[in-house]
Protein backbone atom coordinates (compact mmCIF):
# COMPACT_ATOMS: atom_id res chain seq x y z
CA MET A 1 0.00 0.00 0.00
CA LYS A 2 2.84 2.41 0.85
CA LEU A 3 4.48 1.68 -2.51
CA PHE A 4 1.19 2.38 -4.29
CA ASN A 5 0.79 5.72 -2.44
CA PHE A 6 4.38 6.64 -3.27
CA LEU A 7 3.91 5.83 -6.97
CA LEU A 8 0.64 7.76 -7.03
CA ALA A 9 2.30 10.79 -5.40
CA LEU A 10 5.19 10.53 -7.85
CA ALA A 11 2.83 10.38 -10.83
CA LEU A 12 0.86 13.37 -9.56
CA SER A 13 3.97 15.46 -8.93
CA THR A 14 5.32 14.58 -12.40
CA ALA A 15 2.01 15.61 -13.95
CA ALA A 16 2.12 18.87 -12.00
CA LEU A 17 5.67 19.55 -13.21
CA ASN A 18 4.66 18.83 -16.81
CA ALA A 19 1.62 21.10 -16.47
CA GLY A 20 3.87 23.82 -15.07
CA ALA A 21 6.30 23.47 -17.98
CA ALA A 22 3.44 23.60 -20.49
CA SER A 23 2.10 26.70 -18.74
CA ASP A 24 5.53 28.36 -18.96
CA SER A 25 5.76 27.47 -22.67
CA LEU A 26 2.29 28.86 -23.27
CA ASP A 27 3.13 32.09 -21.40
CA ARG A 28 6.32 32.55 -23.44
CA TYR A 29 4.46 31.83 -26.66
CA MET A 30 1.72 34.33 -25.85
CA SER A 31 4.39 36.97 -25.15
CA ASP A 32 5.95 36.15 -28.53
CA LEU A 33 2.57 36.57 -30.24
CA LYS A 34 2.00 39.97 -28.61
CA ARG A 35 5.49 41.21 -29.52
CA HIS A 36 5.06 39.94 -33.06
CA THR A 37 1.72 41.72 -33.49
CA ALA A 38 3.01 44.99 -32.02
CA LYS A 39 5.53 45.29 -34.87
CA TYR A 40 2.66 45.52 -37.38
CA ILE A 41 0.38 48.07 -35.72
CA ASP A 42 0.24 51.46 -37.46
CA TYR A 43 -1.70 54.11 -35.57
CA PRO A 44 -3.81 55.83 -38.25
CA ARG A 45 -2.56 59.40 -38.79
CA ARG A 46 -6.05 60.87 -38.87
CA ALA A 47 -6.87 59.16 -35.57
CA GLN A 48 -3.71 60.59 -34.03
CA GLU A 49 -4.49 64.08 -35.29
CA ARG A 50 -7.98 63.88 -33.83
CA LYS A 51 -6.65 62.31 -30.61
CA TRP A 52 -8.79 59.19 -31.04
CA GLU A 53 -7.92 56.36 -28.69
CA GLY A 54 -9.43 52.95 -28.10
CA VAL A 55 -8.96 49.23 -27.65
CA VAL A 56 -10.05 46.60 -30.15
CA GLN A 57 -10.29 43.02 -28.85
CA LEU A 58 -9.75 40.33 -31.48
CA ARG A 59 -9.91 36.54 -31.31
CA VAL A 60 -7.29 35.09 -33.63
CA THR A 61 -7.00 31.44 -34.64
CA ILE A 62 -3.76 30.17 -36.16
CA ASP A 63 -2.65 26.76 -37.40
CA ALA A 64 0.45 24.86 -36.26
CA LYS A 65 2.65 26.75 -38.75
CA GLY A 66 1.37 30.15 -37.55
CA GLN A 67 -0.93 30.87 -40.49
CA VAL A 68 -3.98 32.92 -39.54
CA GLN A 69 -7.12 30.86 -40.02
CA ASP A 70 -9.72 33.21 -38.54
CA ILE A 71 -10.07 36.68 -37.01
CA GLN A 72 -13.14 37.67 -35.03
CA VAL A 73 -13.84 41.08 -33.55
CA LEU A 74 -14.89 40.65 -29.93
CA GLU A 75 -15.01 44.32 -29.00
CA GLU A 76 -14.70 47.39 -31.19
CA SER A 77 -13.46 50.85 -30.34
CA ARG A 78 -15.67 53.88 -30.98
CA TYR A 79 -13.74 54.65 -34.18
CA SER A 80 -14.00 52.66 -37.39
CA SER A 81 -10.48 53.64 -38.50
CA LEU A 82 -9.02 52.05 -35.35
CA ASN A 83 -11.17 48.96 -35.84
CA ARG A 84 -10.01 48.57 -39.44
CA GLU A 85 -6.37 49.08 -38.48
CA ALA A 86 -6.59 46.43 -35.78
CA LEU A 87 -7.77 43.89 -38.35
CA ARG A 88 -5.12 44.98 -40.84
CA SER A 89 -2.45 44.62 -38.17
CA ILE A 90 -3.29 40.95 -37.72
CA GLU A 91 -3.35 40.43 -41.48
CA ARG A 92 0.08 42.08 -41.88
CA ALA A 93 1.48 40.03 -38.98
CA ASN A 94 0.58 36.80 -40.82
CA PRO A 95 2.28 34.36 -40.51
CA TYR A 96 2.75 34.26 -36.77
CA PRO A 97 5.45 32.23 -35.04
CA ALA A 98 4.66 28.53 -35.30
CA ILE A 99 2.99 26.85 -32.34
CA PRO A 100 5.73 25.29 -30.17
CA ALA A 101 5.81 21.52 -30.58
CA GLU A 102 5.84 20.98 -26.81
CA LEU A 103 2.32 22.42 -26.64
CA GLY A 104 1.07 19.61 -28.90
CA LEU A 105 -1.56 21.77 -30.59
CA GLN A 106 -2.67 21.82 -34.22
CA THR A 107 -4.46 25.16 -33.84
CA TYR A 108 -4.26 27.91 -31.27
CA GLU A 109 -6.87 30.53 -30.48
CA PHE A 110 -5.92 33.64 -28.55
CA ILE A 111 -7.34 37.03 -27.65
CA MET A 112 -5.30 39.94 -28.93
CA PRO A 113 -6.11 43.39 -27.56
CA ILE A 114 -4.94 46.13 -29.91
CA ASN A 115 -4.53 49.27 -27.81
CA PHE A 116 -4.42 52.63 -29.56
CA SER A 117 -3.17 55.09 -26.98
CA LEU A 118 -1.45 58.43 -27.49
CA SER A 119 0.04 58.53 -23.98
CA GLY A 120 2.94 56.11 -23.48
């Protein structure tokens, strides 16, 4: 019985370590996706001149190679030019970095907030 409890505890701690490693990989990957997207965001000049700010929330689905499969607008800003630019940013960022093999996923869906802010 003690051996069984030991093996069970060992299996559970190994699973917890693996889950922690997967979580770390996922966190790093999400940071990579945000950095990648940020390189492709162009604040519309007219919106800057008029001091328009806003956040557009997008749901993006990519395949294992990082190709964008779907973009859905979850929340728009008040300004159509910012909404359009958010979508264009994702399109320009295509392809994204490939999904890390250790995550074992064929597709990945993530929420990408595109923040248009004139102050830092």
